[in-house]
N, C-alpha and C. Protein backbone atom coordinates (compact mmCIF):
# COMPACT_ATOMS: atom_id res chain seq x y z
N UNK A 1 -15.93 36.15 -2.20
CA UNK A 1 -14.66 35.53 -2.55
C UNK A 1 -14.48 34.20 -1.80
N UNK A 2 -14.84 34.26 -0.52
CA UNK A 2 -14.69 33.06 0.31
C UNK A 2 -15.59 31.93 -0.21
N UNK A 3 -16.81 32.27 -0.58
CA UNK A 3 -17.75 31.27 -1.10
C UNK A 3 -17.23 30.66 -2.40
N UNK A 4 -16.63 31.49 -3.26
CA UNK A 4 -16.05 30.98 -4.51
C UNK A 4 -14.88 30.04 -4.22
N UNK A 5 -14.04 30.40 -3.27
CA UNK A 5 -12.89 29.56 -2.91
C UNK A 5 -13.36 28.24 -2.31
N UNK A 6 -14.38 28.30 -1.45
CA UNK A 6 -14.92 27.08 -0.86
C UNK A 6 -15.51 26.18 -1.93
N UNK A 7 -16.22 26.79 -2.88
CA UNK A 7 -16.81 26.03 -3.97
C UNK A 7 -15.73 25.37 -4.82
N UNK A 8 -14.67 26.10 -5.12
CA UNK A 8 -13.56 25.55 -5.92
C UNK A 8 -12.87 24.40 -5.17
N UNK A 9 -12.66 24.56 -3.86
CA UNK A 9 -12.04 23.50 -3.06
C UNK A 9 -12.92 22.25 -3.01
N UNK A 10 -14.21 22.45 -2.89
CA UNK A 10 -15.14 21.32 -2.87
C UNK A 10 -15.12 20.59 -4.21
N UNK A 11 -15.06 21.33 -5.30
CA UNK A 11 -15.00 20.73 -6.63
C UNK A 11 -13.72 19.91 -6.80
N UNK A 12 -12.60 20.45 -6.37
CA UNK A 12 -11.32 19.74 -6.47
C UNK A 12 -11.33 18.48 -5.60
N UNK A 13 -11.88 18.60 -4.40
CA UNK A 13 -11.97 17.45 -3.50
C UNK A 13 -12.85 16.35 -4.10
N UNK A 14 -13.99 16.76 -4.67
CA UNK A 14 -14.89 15.80 -5.32
C UNK A 14 -14.18 15.10 -6.48
N UNK A 15 -13.45 15.84 -7.28
CA UNK A 15 -12.74 15.28 -8.43
C UNK A 15 -11.66 14.29 -7.96
N UNK A 16 -10.93 14.65 -6.92
CA UNK A 16 -9.91 13.75 -6.37
C UNK A 16 -10.55 12.47 -5.82
N UNK A 17 -11.64 12.61 -5.09
CA UNK A 17 -12.35 11.44 -4.54
C UNK A 17 -12.89 10.55 -5.65
N UNK A 18 -13.38 11.14 -6.72
CA UNK A 18 -13.89 10.38 -7.85
C UNK A 18 -12.77 9.59 -8.53
N UNK A 19 -11.62 10.23 -8.72
CA UNK A 19 -10.48 9.54 -9.33
C UNK A 19 -10.02 8.37 -8.46
N UNK A 20 -9.93 8.59 -7.15
CA UNK A 20 -9.52 7.52 -6.23
C UNK A 20 -10.51 6.37 -6.24
N UNK A 21 -11.80 6.68 -6.24
CA UNK A 21 -12.81 5.63 -6.26
C UNK A 21 -12.72 4.83 -7.56
N UNK A 22 -12.44 5.51 -8.66
CA UNK A 22 -12.31 4.84 -9.95
C UNK A 22 -11.10 3.91 -9.96
N UNK A 23 -9.97 4.37 -9.40
CA UNK A 23 -8.75 3.57 -9.42
C UNK A 23 -8.74 2.47 -8.37
N UNK A 24 -9.22 2.78 -7.18
CA UNK A 24 -9.05 1.86 -6.06
C UNK A 24 -10.35 1.26 -5.54
N UNK A 25 -11.47 1.59 -6.15
CA UNK A 25 -12.77 1.10 -5.69
C UNK A 25 -12.91 -0.41 -5.74
N UNK A 26 -12.22 -1.06 -6.65
CA UNK A 26 -12.31 -2.51 -6.78
C UNK A 26 -11.26 -3.27 -5.99
N UNK A 27 -10.61 -2.61 -5.05
CA UNK A 27 -9.51 -3.26 -4.33
C UNK A 27 -9.97 -4.47 -3.52
N UNK A 28 -11.18 -4.42 -2.96
CA UNK A 28 -11.67 -5.57 -2.19
C UNK A 28 -11.87 -6.77 -3.11
N UNK A 29 -12.50 -6.57 -4.25
CA UNK A 29 -12.67 -7.64 -5.22
C UNK A 29 -11.31 -8.16 -5.70
N UNK A 30 -10.42 -7.24 -5.99
CA UNK A 30 -9.09 -7.64 -6.46
C UNK A 30 -8.39 -8.49 -5.39
N UNK A 31 -8.46 -8.08 -4.15
CA UNK A 31 -7.84 -8.83 -3.05
C UNK A 31 -8.47 -10.22 -2.93
N UNK A 32 -9.77 -10.31 -3.15
CA UNK A 32 -10.45 -11.60 -3.08
C UNK A 32 -10.08 -12.52 -4.25
N UNK A 33 -9.60 -11.97 -5.36
CA UNK A 33 -9.21 -12.77 -6.52
C UNK A 33 -7.78 -13.32 -6.41
N UNK A 34 -6.99 -12.80 -5.49
CA UNK A 34 -5.60 -13.22 -5.39
C UNK A 34 -5.44 -14.71 -5.06
N UNK A 35 -6.26 -15.29 -4.18
CA UNK A 35 -6.13 -16.73 -3.94
C UNK A 35 -6.42 -17.58 -5.19
N UNK A 36 -7.26 -17.08 -6.08
CA UNK A 36 -7.52 -17.79 -7.34
C UNK A 36 -6.24 -17.81 -8.17
N UNK A 37 -5.58 -16.67 -8.26
CA UNK A 37 -4.30 -16.58 -8.98
C UNK A 37 -3.29 -17.55 -8.34
N UNK A 38 -3.19 -17.51 -7.00
CA UNK A 38 -2.24 -18.38 -6.30
C UNK A 38 -2.50 -19.85 -6.59
N UNK A 39 -3.76 -20.26 -6.58
CA UNK A 39 -4.11 -21.67 -6.82
C UNK A 39 -3.75 -22.10 -8.23
N UNK A 40 -4.05 -21.26 -9.21
CA UNK A 40 -3.71 -21.59 -10.59
C UNK A 40 -2.19 -21.66 -10.77
N UNK A 41 -1.48 -20.71 -10.19
CA UNK A 41 -0.02 -20.67 -10.28
C UNK A 41 0.58 -21.93 -9.63
N UNK A 42 0.09 -22.27 -8.44
CA UNK A 42 0.59 -23.45 -7.72
C UNK A 42 0.33 -24.73 -8.52
N UNK A 43 -0.85 -24.83 -9.12
CA UNK A 43 -1.18 -26.02 -9.91
C UNK A 43 -0.20 -26.19 -11.06
N UNK A 44 0.18 -25.10 -11.70
CA UNK A 44 1.11 -25.19 -12.83
C UNK A 44 2.55 -25.41 -12.36
N UNK A 45 2.92 -24.79 -11.25
CA UNK A 45 4.30 -24.91 -10.76
C UNK A 45 4.62 -26.30 -10.23
N UNK A 46 3.60 -27.05 -9.83
CA UNK A 46 3.85 -28.35 -9.20
C UNK A 46 3.46 -29.54 -10.07
N UNK A 47 3.33 -29.32 -11.36
CA UNK A 47 3.02 -30.45 -12.23
C UNK A 47 4.30 -31.15 -12.67
N UNK A 48 4.24 -32.44 -12.77
CA UNK A 48 5.39 -33.23 -13.21
C UNK A 48 5.26 -33.50 -14.71
N UNK A 49 6.34 -33.90 -15.34
CA UNK A 49 6.26 -34.25 -16.77
C UNK A 49 5.25 -35.38 -17.03
N UNK A 50 5.15 -36.31 -16.09
CA UNK A 50 4.19 -37.40 -16.27
C UNK A 50 2.75 -36.87 -16.27
N UNK A 51 2.48 -35.94 -15.36
CA UNK A 51 1.14 -35.34 -15.30
C UNK A 51 0.86 -34.55 -16.57
N UNK A 52 1.87 -33.88 -17.10
CA UNK A 52 1.68 -33.12 -18.35
C UNK A 52 1.35 -34.04 -19.51
N UNK A 53 1.99 -35.23 -19.54
CA UNK A 53 1.71 -36.15 -20.66
C UNK A 53 0.32 -36.76 -20.54
N UNK A 54 -0.17 -36.97 -19.31
CA UNK A 54 -1.48 -37.58 -19.11
C UNK A 54 -2.60 -36.55 -19.21
N UNK A 55 -2.40 -35.39 -18.60
CA UNK A 55 -3.48 -34.39 -18.52
C UNK A 55 -3.07 -33.09 -19.20
N UNK A 56 -2.43 -33.19 -20.34
CA UNK A 56 -1.93 -32.01 -21.04
C UNK A 56 -3.01 -31.00 -21.39
N UNK A 57 -4.15 -31.48 -21.85
CA UNK A 57 -5.23 -30.57 -22.24
C UNK A 57 -5.79 -29.83 -21.04
N UNK A 58 -5.91 -30.50 -19.92
CA UNK A 58 -6.42 -29.86 -18.70
C UNK A 58 -5.43 -28.79 -18.24
N UNK A 59 -4.15 -29.14 -18.24
CA UNK A 59 -3.14 -28.17 -17.81
C UNK A 59 -3.06 -26.98 -18.77
N UNK A 60 -3.28 -27.23 -20.03
CA UNK A 60 -3.32 -26.13 -21.00
C UNK A 60 -4.49 -25.19 -20.68
N UNK A 61 -5.61 -25.77 -20.29
CA UNK A 61 -6.76 -24.96 -19.87
C UNK A 61 -6.45 -24.13 -18.63
N UNK A 62 -5.72 -24.72 -17.70
CA UNK A 62 -5.32 -23.97 -16.49
C UNK A 62 -4.39 -22.82 -16.89
N UNK A 63 -3.45 -23.09 -17.80
CA UNK A 63 -2.54 -22.04 -18.27
C UNK A 63 -3.29 -20.90 -18.94
N UNK A 64 -4.26 -21.24 -19.77
CA UNK A 64 -5.06 -20.22 -20.46
C UNK A 64 -5.88 -19.41 -19.47
N UNK A 65 -6.42 -20.08 -18.46
CA UNK A 65 -7.20 -19.39 -17.43
C UNK A 65 -6.32 -18.43 -16.65
N UNK A 66 -5.12 -18.87 -16.28
CA UNK A 66 -4.18 -18.00 -15.56
C UNK A 66 -3.79 -16.81 -16.43
N UNK A 67 -3.53 -17.05 -17.70
CA UNK A 67 -3.15 -15.96 -18.61
C UNK A 67 -4.29 -14.94 -18.73
N UNK A 68 -5.51 -15.43 -18.82
CA UNK A 68 -6.67 -14.51 -18.90
C UNK A 68 -6.81 -13.70 -17.62
N UNK A 69 -6.61 -14.34 -16.47
CA UNK A 69 -6.66 -13.63 -15.20
C UNK A 69 -5.58 -12.57 -15.13
N UNK A 70 -4.38 -12.87 -15.62
CA UNK A 70 -3.30 -11.89 -15.66
C UNK A 70 -3.66 -10.72 -16.58
N UNK A 71 -4.33 -11.00 -17.70
CA UNK A 71 -4.76 -9.93 -18.60
C UNK A 71 -5.79 -9.02 -17.93
N UNK A 72 -6.72 -9.61 -17.19
CA UNK A 72 -7.72 -8.83 -16.47
C UNK A 72 -7.03 -7.98 -15.39
N UNK A 73 -6.09 -8.57 -14.67
CA UNK A 73 -5.34 -7.81 -13.67
C UNK A 73 -4.65 -6.61 -14.32
N UNK A 74 -3.96 -6.84 -15.43
CA UNK A 74 -3.24 -5.76 -16.11
C UNK A 74 -4.20 -4.66 -16.57
N UNK A 75 -5.35 -5.07 -17.08
CA UNK A 75 -6.36 -4.11 -17.55
C UNK A 75 -6.82 -3.18 -16.43
N UNK A 76 -6.83 -3.70 -15.20
CA UNK A 76 -7.32 -2.92 -14.06
C UNK A 76 -6.20 -2.39 -13.17
N UNK A 77 -4.96 -2.41 -13.68
CA UNK A 77 -3.85 -1.79 -12.96
C UNK A 77 -3.24 -2.63 -11.85
N UNK A 78 -3.46 -3.95 -11.89
CA UNK A 78 -2.87 -4.83 -10.88
C UNK A 78 -1.59 -5.42 -11.46
N UNK A 79 -0.49 -5.22 -10.75
CA UNK A 79 0.79 -5.78 -11.18
C UNK A 79 1.31 -6.74 -10.12
N UNK A 80 2.07 -7.71 -10.58
CA UNK A 80 2.60 -8.75 -9.71
C UNK A 80 3.96 -8.32 -9.19
N UNK A 81 4.20 -8.55 -7.90
CA UNK A 81 5.52 -8.36 -7.30
C UNK A 81 6.14 -9.75 -7.23
N UNK A 82 7.18 -9.98 -8.03
CA UNK A 82 7.81 -11.30 -8.12
C UNK A 82 9.27 -11.24 -7.69
N UNK A 83 9.53 -11.28 -6.39
CA UNK A 83 10.93 -11.26 -5.95
C UNK A 83 11.61 -12.59 -6.29
N UNK A 84 12.91 -12.57 -6.38
CA UNK A 84 13.70 -13.76 -6.67
C UNK A 84 14.64 -14.03 -5.51
N UNK A 85 15.09 -15.27 -5.41
CA UNK A 85 16.09 -15.60 -4.40
C UNK A 85 17.32 -14.74 -4.64
N UNK A 86 17.85 -14.17 -3.57
CA UNK A 86 19.02 -13.31 -3.68
C UNK A 86 18.68 -11.83 -3.69
N UNK A 87 17.43 -11.48 -3.99
CA UNK A 87 17.02 -10.08 -3.92
C UNK A 87 17.09 -9.60 -2.49
N UNK A 88 17.18 -8.30 -2.32
CA UNK A 88 17.19 -7.70 -0.99
C UNK A 88 15.77 -7.53 -0.49
N UNK A 89 15.56 -7.88 0.77
CA UNK A 89 14.25 -7.74 1.40
C UNK A 89 13.85 -6.27 1.45
N UNK A 90 12.63 -5.97 1.00
CA UNK A 90 12.08 -4.61 1.03
C UNK A 90 10.79 -4.65 1.83
N UNK A 91 10.79 -4.08 3.05
CA UNK A 91 9.59 -4.15 3.89
C UNK A 91 8.38 -3.44 3.30
N UNK A 92 8.59 -2.60 2.28
CA UNK A 92 7.46 -1.93 1.63
C UNK A 92 6.74 -2.83 0.63
N UNK A 93 7.39 -3.92 0.20
CA UNK A 93 6.78 -4.82 -0.77
C UNK A 93 6.80 -6.28 -0.34
N UNK A 94 7.55 -6.61 0.70
CA UNK A 94 7.70 -8.00 1.12
C UNK A 94 7.28 -8.17 2.57
N UNK A 95 6.78 -9.35 2.88
CA UNK A 95 6.46 -9.73 4.24
C UNK A 95 7.35 -10.92 4.59
N UNK A 96 8.16 -10.77 5.64
CA UNK A 96 9.05 -11.86 6.05
C UNK A 96 8.24 -12.89 6.82
N UNK A 97 8.18 -14.10 6.27
CA UNK A 97 7.44 -15.18 6.91
C UNK A 97 8.32 -15.95 7.88
N UNK A 98 9.64 -15.95 7.62
CA UNK A 98 10.59 -16.57 8.53
C UNK A 98 11.98 -16.02 8.24
N UNK A 99 12.89 -16.23 9.20
CA UNK A 99 14.29 -15.90 9.03
C UNK A 99 15.09 -17.16 9.31
N UNK A 100 16.17 -17.36 8.56
CA UNK A 100 17.03 -18.51 8.76
C UNK A 100 18.47 -18.15 8.41
N UNK A 101 19.42 -18.63 9.20
CA UNK A 101 20.83 -18.35 8.90
C UNK A 101 21.34 -19.30 7.82
N UNK A 102 21.33 -18.87 6.57
CA UNK A 102 21.74 -19.70 5.45
C UNK A 102 23.15 -19.29 5.01
N UNK A 103 24.13 -20.21 5.16
CA UNK A 103 25.50 -19.88 4.73
C UNK A 103 25.52 -19.53 3.24
N UNK A 104 26.41 -18.62 2.89
CA UNK A 104 26.53 -18.20 1.50
C UNK A 104 25.58 -17.08 1.12
N UNK A 105 24.82 -16.58 2.08
CA UNK A 105 23.93 -15.46 1.82
C UNK A 105 24.27 -14.32 2.76
N UNK A 106 23.75 -13.16 2.45
CA UNK A 106 23.93 -11.99 3.32
C UNK A 106 22.65 -11.78 4.11
N UNK A 107 22.79 -11.23 5.27
CA UNK A 107 21.62 -10.91 6.08
C UNK A 107 20.71 -9.96 5.30
N UNK A 108 19.42 -10.27 5.26
CA UNK A 108 18.46 -9.43 4.54
C UNK A 108 18.19 -9.88 3.12
N UNK A 109 18.87 -10.93 2.67
CA UNK A 109 18.61 -11.46 1.33
C UNK A 109 17.42 -12.41 1.37
N UNK A 110 16.64 -12.41 0.30
CA UNK A 110 15.52 -13.33 0.18
C UNK A 110 16.08 -14.72 -0.14
N UNK A 111 15.67 -15.72 0.66
CA UNK A 111 16.14 -17.08 0.44
C UNK A 111 15.03 -18.00 -0.09
N UNK A 112 13.78 -17.57 0.06
CA UNK A 112 12.66 -18.36 -0.46
C UNK A 112 11.47 -17.44 -0.71
N UNK A 113 10.73 -17.71 -1.78
CA UNK A 113 9.52 -16.96 -2.09
C UNK A 113 8.34 -17.92 -1.95
N UNK A 114 7.44 -17.63 -1.01
CA UNK A 114 6.28 -18.49 -0.80
C UNK A 114 5.07 -18.04 -1.62
N UNK A 115 4.90 -16.73 -1.79
CA UNK A 115 3.77 -16.21 -2.56
C UNK A 115 4.16 -14.86 -3.14
N UNK A 116 3.71 -14.63 -4.36
CA UNK A 116 3.95 -13.34 -5.00
C UNK A 116 3.07 -12.28 -4.35
N UNK A 117 3.48 -11.03 -4.49
CA UNK A 117 2.69 -9.92 -3.99
C UNK A 117 2.03 -9.19 -5.15
N UNK A 118 1.20 -8.21 -4.81
CA UNK A 118 0.45 -7.49 -5.84
C UNK A 118 0.30 -6.02 -5.48
N UNK A 119 0.38 -5.18 -6.51
CA UNK A 119 0.11 -3.75 -6.40
C UNK A 119 -1.14 -3.43 -7.20
N UNK A 120 -1.97 -2.53 -6.67
CA UNK A 120 -3.08 -1.96 -7.43
C UNK A 120 -2.67 -0.53 -7.71
N UNK A 121 -2.29 -0.26 -8.94
CA UNK A 121 -1.68 1.00 -9.34
C UNK A 121 -0.44 1.19 -8.47
N UNK A 122 -0.47 2.11 -7.54
CA UNK A 122 0.71 2.34 -6.69
C UNK A 122 0.48 1.89 -5.24
N UNK A 123 -0.63 1.22 -4.98
CA UNK A 123 -0.94 0.78 -3.62
C UNK A 123 -0.71 -0.72 -3.48
N UNK A 124 -0.19 -1.11 -2.34
CA UNK A 124 0.06 -2.51 -2.06
C UNK A 124 -1.24 -3.24 -1.74
N UNK A 125 -1.57 -4.25 -2.56
CA UNK A 125 -2.73 -5.09 -2.28
C UNK A 125 -2.33 -6.20 -1.30
N UNK A 126 -1.19 -6.84 -1.60
CA UNK A 126 -0.67 -7.89 -0.74
C UNK A 126 0.84 -7.94 -0.92
N UNK A 127 1.59 -7.97 0.20
CA UNK A 127 3.04 -8.08 0.05
C UNK A 127 3.44 -9.48 -0.39
N UNK A 128 4.56 -9.58 -1.06
CA UNK A 128 5.11 -10.89 -1.40
C UNK A 128 5.56 -11.56 -0.11
N UNK A 129 5.26 -12.81 0.05
CA UNK A 129 5.61 -13.54 1.27
C UNK A 129 6.92 -14.28 1.02
N UNK A 130 7.93 -13.94 1.83
CA UNK A 130 9.28 -14.44 1.58
C UNK A 130 9.95 -14.91 2.87
N UNK A 131 10.98 -15.75 2.69
CA UNK A 131 11.88 -16.12 3.77
C UNK A 131 13.14 -15.29 3.60
N UNK A 132 13.72 -14.87 4.71
CA UNK A 132 14.85 -13.94 4.68
C UNK A 132 16.03 -14.53 5.44
N UNK A 133 17.23 -14.31 4.90
CA UNK A 133 18.44 -14.79 5.56
C UNK A 133 18.79 -13.92 6.75
N UNK A 134 19.20 -14.58 7.81
CA UNK A 134 19.70 -13.85 8.99
C UNK A 134 21.16 -14.19 9.24
N UNK A 135 21.83 -14.73 8.22
CA UNK A 135 23.22 -15.18 8.34
C UNK A 135 24.13 -13.98 8.58
N UNK A 136 24.98 -14.06 9.54
CA UNK A 136 25.88 -12.95 9.87
C UNK A 136 27.34 -13.38 9.78
N UNK A 137 27.61 -14.52 9.20
CA UNK A 137 28.99 -15.05 9.14
C UNK A 137 29.73 -14.49 8.05
């Protein structure tokens, strides 16, 4: 009986380990791809209308590349954490890069988003990097 129970436990453990390896085995590669996403996002976020009129085709290529990267992320269970100004700081998903006393905000509110965060299924790949209000007035 004991041998059967041990065998069953080993089988369950193997199955659990296999599922985890399947879901989270690519986390190192995924983490290494995040700066590529950041660079593409930054390039698009900081273009001026003049740059769009001069280099529209290039920027369209950057947009298509970013969209394809987002599709690959979605296919492999990577989701973006996109906090907004005014959201409440969550230490489970956000990393406070600085605190500043900003009038008109509550302590613990996000006042600036420097980088988006990412989840791989239910695990944090990288927290969103944010600035947080410390205003107590």
